[in-house]
Every structure is written in C-alpha cells, then in structure tokens.
C-alpha atoms as a PDB file:
ATOM      1  CA  MET A   1     -10.825   2.705 -13.262  1.00  0.00           C
ATOM      2  CA  SER A   2     -11.924   2.842  -9.646  1.00  0.00           C
ATOM      3  CA  ASP A   3     -12.362  -0.126  -7.380  1.00  0.00           C
ATOM      4  CA  GLN A   4     -11.665  -1.089  -3.821  1.00  0.00           C
ATOM      5  CA  TYR A   5      -7.900  -1.438  -4.421  1.00  0.00           C
ATOM      6  CA  ILE A   6      -6.987   1.614  -6.501  1.00  0.00           C
ATOM      7  CA  ASP A   7      -8.751   4.821  -7.413  1.00  0.00           C
ATOM      8  CA  VAL A   8      -6.850   5.933 -10.514  1.00  0.00           C
ATOM      9  CA  GLU A   9      -8.943   9.069 -10.949  1.00  0.00           C
ATOM     10  CA  GLN A  10      -8.128  10.221  -7.431  1.00  0.00           C
ATOM     11  CA  GLY A  11      -4.453   9.249  -7.828  1.00  0.00           C
ATOM     12  CA  LEU A  12      -4.184  11.207 -11.060  1.00  0.00           C
ATOM     13  CA  GLY A  13      -5.811  14.154  -9.320  1.00  0.00           C
ATOM     14  CA  ARG A  14      -3.017  14.143  -6.760  1.00  0.00           C
ATOM     15  CA  VAL A  15      -0.445  14.559  -9.542  1.00  0.00           C
ATOM     16  CA  ARG A  16      -2.560  17.071 -11.505  1.00  0.00           C
ATOM     17  CA  GLY A  17      -3.335  14.559 -14.248  1.00  0.00           C
ATOM     18  CA  ASN A  18       0.305  13.758 -15.020  1.00  0.00           C
ATOM     19  CA  LYS A  19      -0.047  10.146 -16.191  1.00  0.00           C
ATOM     20  CA  ALA A  20       3.699   9.623 -16.647  1.00  0.00           C
ATOM     21  CA  LEU A  21       4.406  10.732 -13.078  1.00  0.00           C
ATOM     22  CA  TYR A  22       1.596   8.615 -11.644  1.00  0.00           C
ATOM     23  CA  LYS A  23       2.800   5.553 -13.565  1.00  0.00           C
ATOM     24  CA  ARG A  24       6.346   6.143 -12.312  1.00  0.00           C
ATOM     25  CA  MET A  25       5.054   6.396  -8.753  1.00  0.00           C
ATOM     26  CA  LEU A  26       3.002   3.214  -9.148  1.00  0.00           C
ATOM     27  CA  ASN A  27       6.099   1.395 -10.391  1.00  0.00           C
ATOM     28  CA  MET A  28       8.003   2.659  -7.356  1.00  0.00           C
ATOM     29  CA  PHE A  29       5.282   1.188  -5.145  1.00  0.00           C
ATOM     30  CA  ILE A  30       5.714  -2.215  -6.782  1.00  0.00           C
ATOM     31  CA  GLU A  31       9.432  -2.093  -5.889  1.00  0.00           C
ATOM     32  CA  SER A  32       8.933  -0.530  -2.443  1.00  0.00           C
ATOM     33  CA  LYS A  33      11.442  -1.644   0.195  1.00  0.00           C
ATOM     34  CA  GLU A  34       8.986  -0.825   2.973  1.00  0.00           C
ATOM     35  CA  ILE A  35       6.848  -3.822   2.081  1.00  0.00           C
ATOM     36  CA  GLY A  36       9.747  -6.220   2.556  1.00  0.00           C
ATOM     37  CA  GLU A  37      10.827  -4.463   5.733  1.00  0.00           C
ATOM     38  CA  PHE A  38       7.308  -4.813   7.129  1.00  0.00           C
ATOM     39  CA  GLU A  39       7.390  -8.553   6.483  1.00  0.00           C
ATOM     40  CA  THR A  40      10.761  -8.910   8.201  1.00  0.00           C
ATOM     41  CA  HIS A  41       9.608  -7.006  11.282  1.00  0.00           C
ATOM     42  CA  ILE A  42       6.335  -8.934  11.544  1.00  0.00           C
ATOM     43  CA  GLU A  43       8.153 -12.263  11.258  1.00  0.00           C
ATOM     44  CA  SER A  44      10.547 -11.254  14.030  1.00  0.00           C
ATOM     45  CA  GLY A  45       7.712  -9.913  16.208  1.00  0.00           C
ATOM     46  CA  ASN A  46       9.197  -6.388  16.284  1.00  0.00           C
ATOM     47  CA  CYS A  47       6.011  -4.343  16.669  1.00  0.00           C
ATOM     48  CA  ASP A  48       7.797  -0.999  16.939  1.00  0.00           C
ATOM     49  CA  GLU A  49       9.657  -1.349  13.631  1.00  0.00           C
ATOM     50  CA  ALA A  50       6.675  -3.055  11.969  1.00  0.00           C
ATOM     51  CA  SER A  51       4.552  -0.066  12.991  1.00  0.00           C
ATOM     52  CA  LYS A  52       7.046   2.302  11.349  1.00  0.00           C
ATOM     53  CA  SER A  53       7.029   0.243   8.145  1.00  0.00           C
ATOM     54  CA  ALA A  54       3.220   0.034   8.170  1.00  0.00           C
ATOM     55  CA  HIS A  55       3.098   3.810   8.617  1.00  0.00           C
ATOM     56  CA  ALA A  56       5.345   4.267   5.561  1.00  0.00           C
ATOM     57  CA  ILE A  57       3.145   1.877   3.548  1.00  0.00           C
ATOM     58  CA  LYS A  58       0.081   3.820   4.709  1.00  0.00           C
ATOM     59  CA  GLY A  59       1.649   7.040   3.402  1.00  0.00           C
ATOM     60  CA  ILE A  60       2.559   5.509   0.058  1.00  0.00           C
ATOM     61  CA  ALA A  61      -0.888   3.935  -0.301  1.00  0.00           C
ATOM     62  CA  GLY A  62      -2.584   7.203   0.597  1.00  0.00           C
ATOM     63  CA  ASN A  63      -0.556   9.232  -1.890  1.00  0.00           C
ATOM     64  CA  LEU A  64      -1.260   6.760  -4.692  1.00  0.00           C
ATOM     65  CA  ALA A  65      -4.950   6.258  -3.821  1.00  0.00           C
ATOM     66  CA  LEU A  66      -4.465   2.561  -3.061  1.00  0.00           C
ATOM     67  CA  THR A  67      -7.642   2.550  -1.046  1.00  0.00           C
ATOM     68  CA  ARG A  68      -7.906  -0.892   0.559  1.00  0.00           C
ATOM     69  CA  LEU A  69      -4.192  -1.058   1.381  1.00  0.00           C
ATOM     70  CA  PHE A  70      -4.402   2.406   2.943  1.00  0.00           C
ATOM     71  CA  ASP A  71      -7.287   1.350   5.189  1.00  0.00           C
ATOM     72  CA  LEU A  72      -5.635  -1.870   6.310  1.00  0.00           C
ATOM     73  CA  SER A  73      -2.215  -0.334   6.905  1.00  0.00           C
ATOM     74  CA  SER A  74      -3.881   2.409   8.966  1.00  0.00           C
ATOM     75  CA  ASP A  75      -5.420  -0.250  11.204  1.00  0.00           C
ATOM     76  CA  LEU A  76      -2.122  -2.125  11.439  1.00  0.00           C
ATOM     77  CA  VAL A  77      -0.230   1.000  12.494  1.00  0.00           C
ATOM     78  CA  GLU A  78      -2.558   1.484  15.453  1.00  0.00           C
ATOM     79  CA  GLU A  79      -2.493  -2.170  16.492  1.00  0.00           C
ATOM     80  CA  LEU A  80       1.277  -2.449  16.210  1.00  0.00           C
ATOM     81  CA  ARG A  81       1.796   0.749  18.195  1.00  0.00           C
ATOM     82  CA  HIS A  82       0.001  -1.061  21.008  1.00  0.00           C
ATOM     83  CA  GLY A  83       2.117  -4.206  20.582  1.00  0.00           C
ATOM     84  CA  ILE A  84      -0.646  -6.212  18.906  1.00  0.00           C
ATOM     85  CA  ILE A  85       0.023  -8.549  15.986  1.00  0.00           C
ATOM     86  CA  ASP A  86      -3.403  -9.755  14.868  1.00  0.00           C
ATOM     87  CA  GLU A  87      -2.927 -12.695  12.504  1.00  0.00           C
ATOM     88  CA  LYS A  88      -6.282 -12.151  10.798  1.00  0.00           C
ATOM     89  CA  ASN A  89      -5.457  -8.519  10.053  1.00  0.00           C
ATOM     90  CA  ILE A  90      -2.003  -9.513   8.788  1.00  0.00           C
ATOM     91  CA  ALA A  91      -3.664 -12.085   6.493  1.00  0.00           C
ATOM     92  CA  ASP A  92      -6.140  -9.438   5.283  1.00  0.00           C
ATOM     93  CA  TYR A  93      -3.203  -7.105   4.613  1.00  0.00           C
ATOM     94  CA  HIS A  94      -1.390  -9.790   2.586  1.00  0.00           C
ATOM     95  CA  ASP A  95      -4.527 -10.467   0.556  1.00  0.00           C
ATOM     96  CA  ALA A  96      -5.058  -6.753  -0.092  1.00  0.00           C
ATOM     97  CA  LEU A  97      -1.389  -6.303  -1.008  1.00  0.00           C
ATOM     98  CA  GLU A  98      -1.586  -9.076  -3.595  1.00  0.00           C
ATOM     99  CA  LYS A  99      -4.802  -7.688  -5.090  1.00  0.00           C
ATOM    100  CA  THR A 100      -3.465  -4.117  -4.972  1.00  0.00           C
ATOM    101  CA  ARG A 101      -0.348  -5.169  -6.872  1.00  0.00           C
ATOM    102  CA  ALA A 102      -2.557  -6.768  -9.532  1.00  0.00           C
ATOM    103  CA  ALA A 103      -4.730  -3.637  -9.724  1.00  0.00           C
ATOM    104  CA  VAL A 104      -1.606  -1.456 -10.004  1.00  0.00           C
ATOM    105  CA  ASP A 105      -0.242  -3.615 -12.833  1.00  0.00           C
ATOM    106  CA  GLU A 106      -3.579  -3.292 -14.629  1.00  0.00           C
ATOM    107  CA  ALA A 107      -3.720   0.461 -14.065  1.00  0.00           C
ATOM    108  CA  ILE A 108      -0.210   0.924 -15.450  1.00  0.00           C
ATOM    109  CA  ILE A 109      -1.267  -0.848 -18.637  1.00  0.00           C
ATOM    110  CA  GLU A 110      -4.525   1.124 -18.883  1.00  0.00           C
ATOM    111  CA  LEU A 111      -2.726   4.451 -18.413  1.00  0.00           C
ATOM    112  CA  GLY A 112      -0.885   3.731 -21.649  1.00  0.00           C
ATOM    113  CA  PRO A 113       2.603   4.666 -22.851  1.00  0.00           C
END
C-alpha cells in the first residue's frame, strides 16, 4: 500500500521489514501526545511551543513514512518559527492528520497479525 498519506513499503524498509515493529510504531503514532500538545499550543497562539510540537510530529511522520503529514508539518515548523499561524495551513494539517490516521488504521489491518 502506498498513497499520499502513508508509504508502507518505505516505512517497512526503515525497520528492515519487521512488520510487528512497524505496527507497534504506527500504534504509538495514533496515541502520540505531540499531536494533542500541538493543538493546545496553536489554540493558545504559542508559536514557539507549537513549532517544537510540529517538529516532533515531523520527525514521527518522517520515520513512519507518513508522507503528507511529514510535508505539512515541515511547512508548519518553518512558519511557526517565524511567528506565523496560517489558518489555511492549519486546516490542511487537520485534514491530513484525519486522513493519515485512517490510512494508518488500514495499514495496521493490512499488515496482519
């Protein structure tokens, strides 16, 4: 499975084909505290802390080959470092996060037991 939200083949390559490890990591993403922290910092207008959370999300997304989320969080890190909260980009991030979560759920099922 490879689409704009997750590249399972690439993700598995990063863990040398260890499906159990990749599934465990994907589950950790679903429960990631950084996502909630990002939301809190954006709502409060704290660009510095939001940038740190977005950077952590970028790292997680990159390691797991969550392609669209990686791209958007990369853009957000740069904007937030400059004190910019672009509502359109935040909305795009939320949309990608929702679709990434769905793609991750699907990938977990497809990877099997």
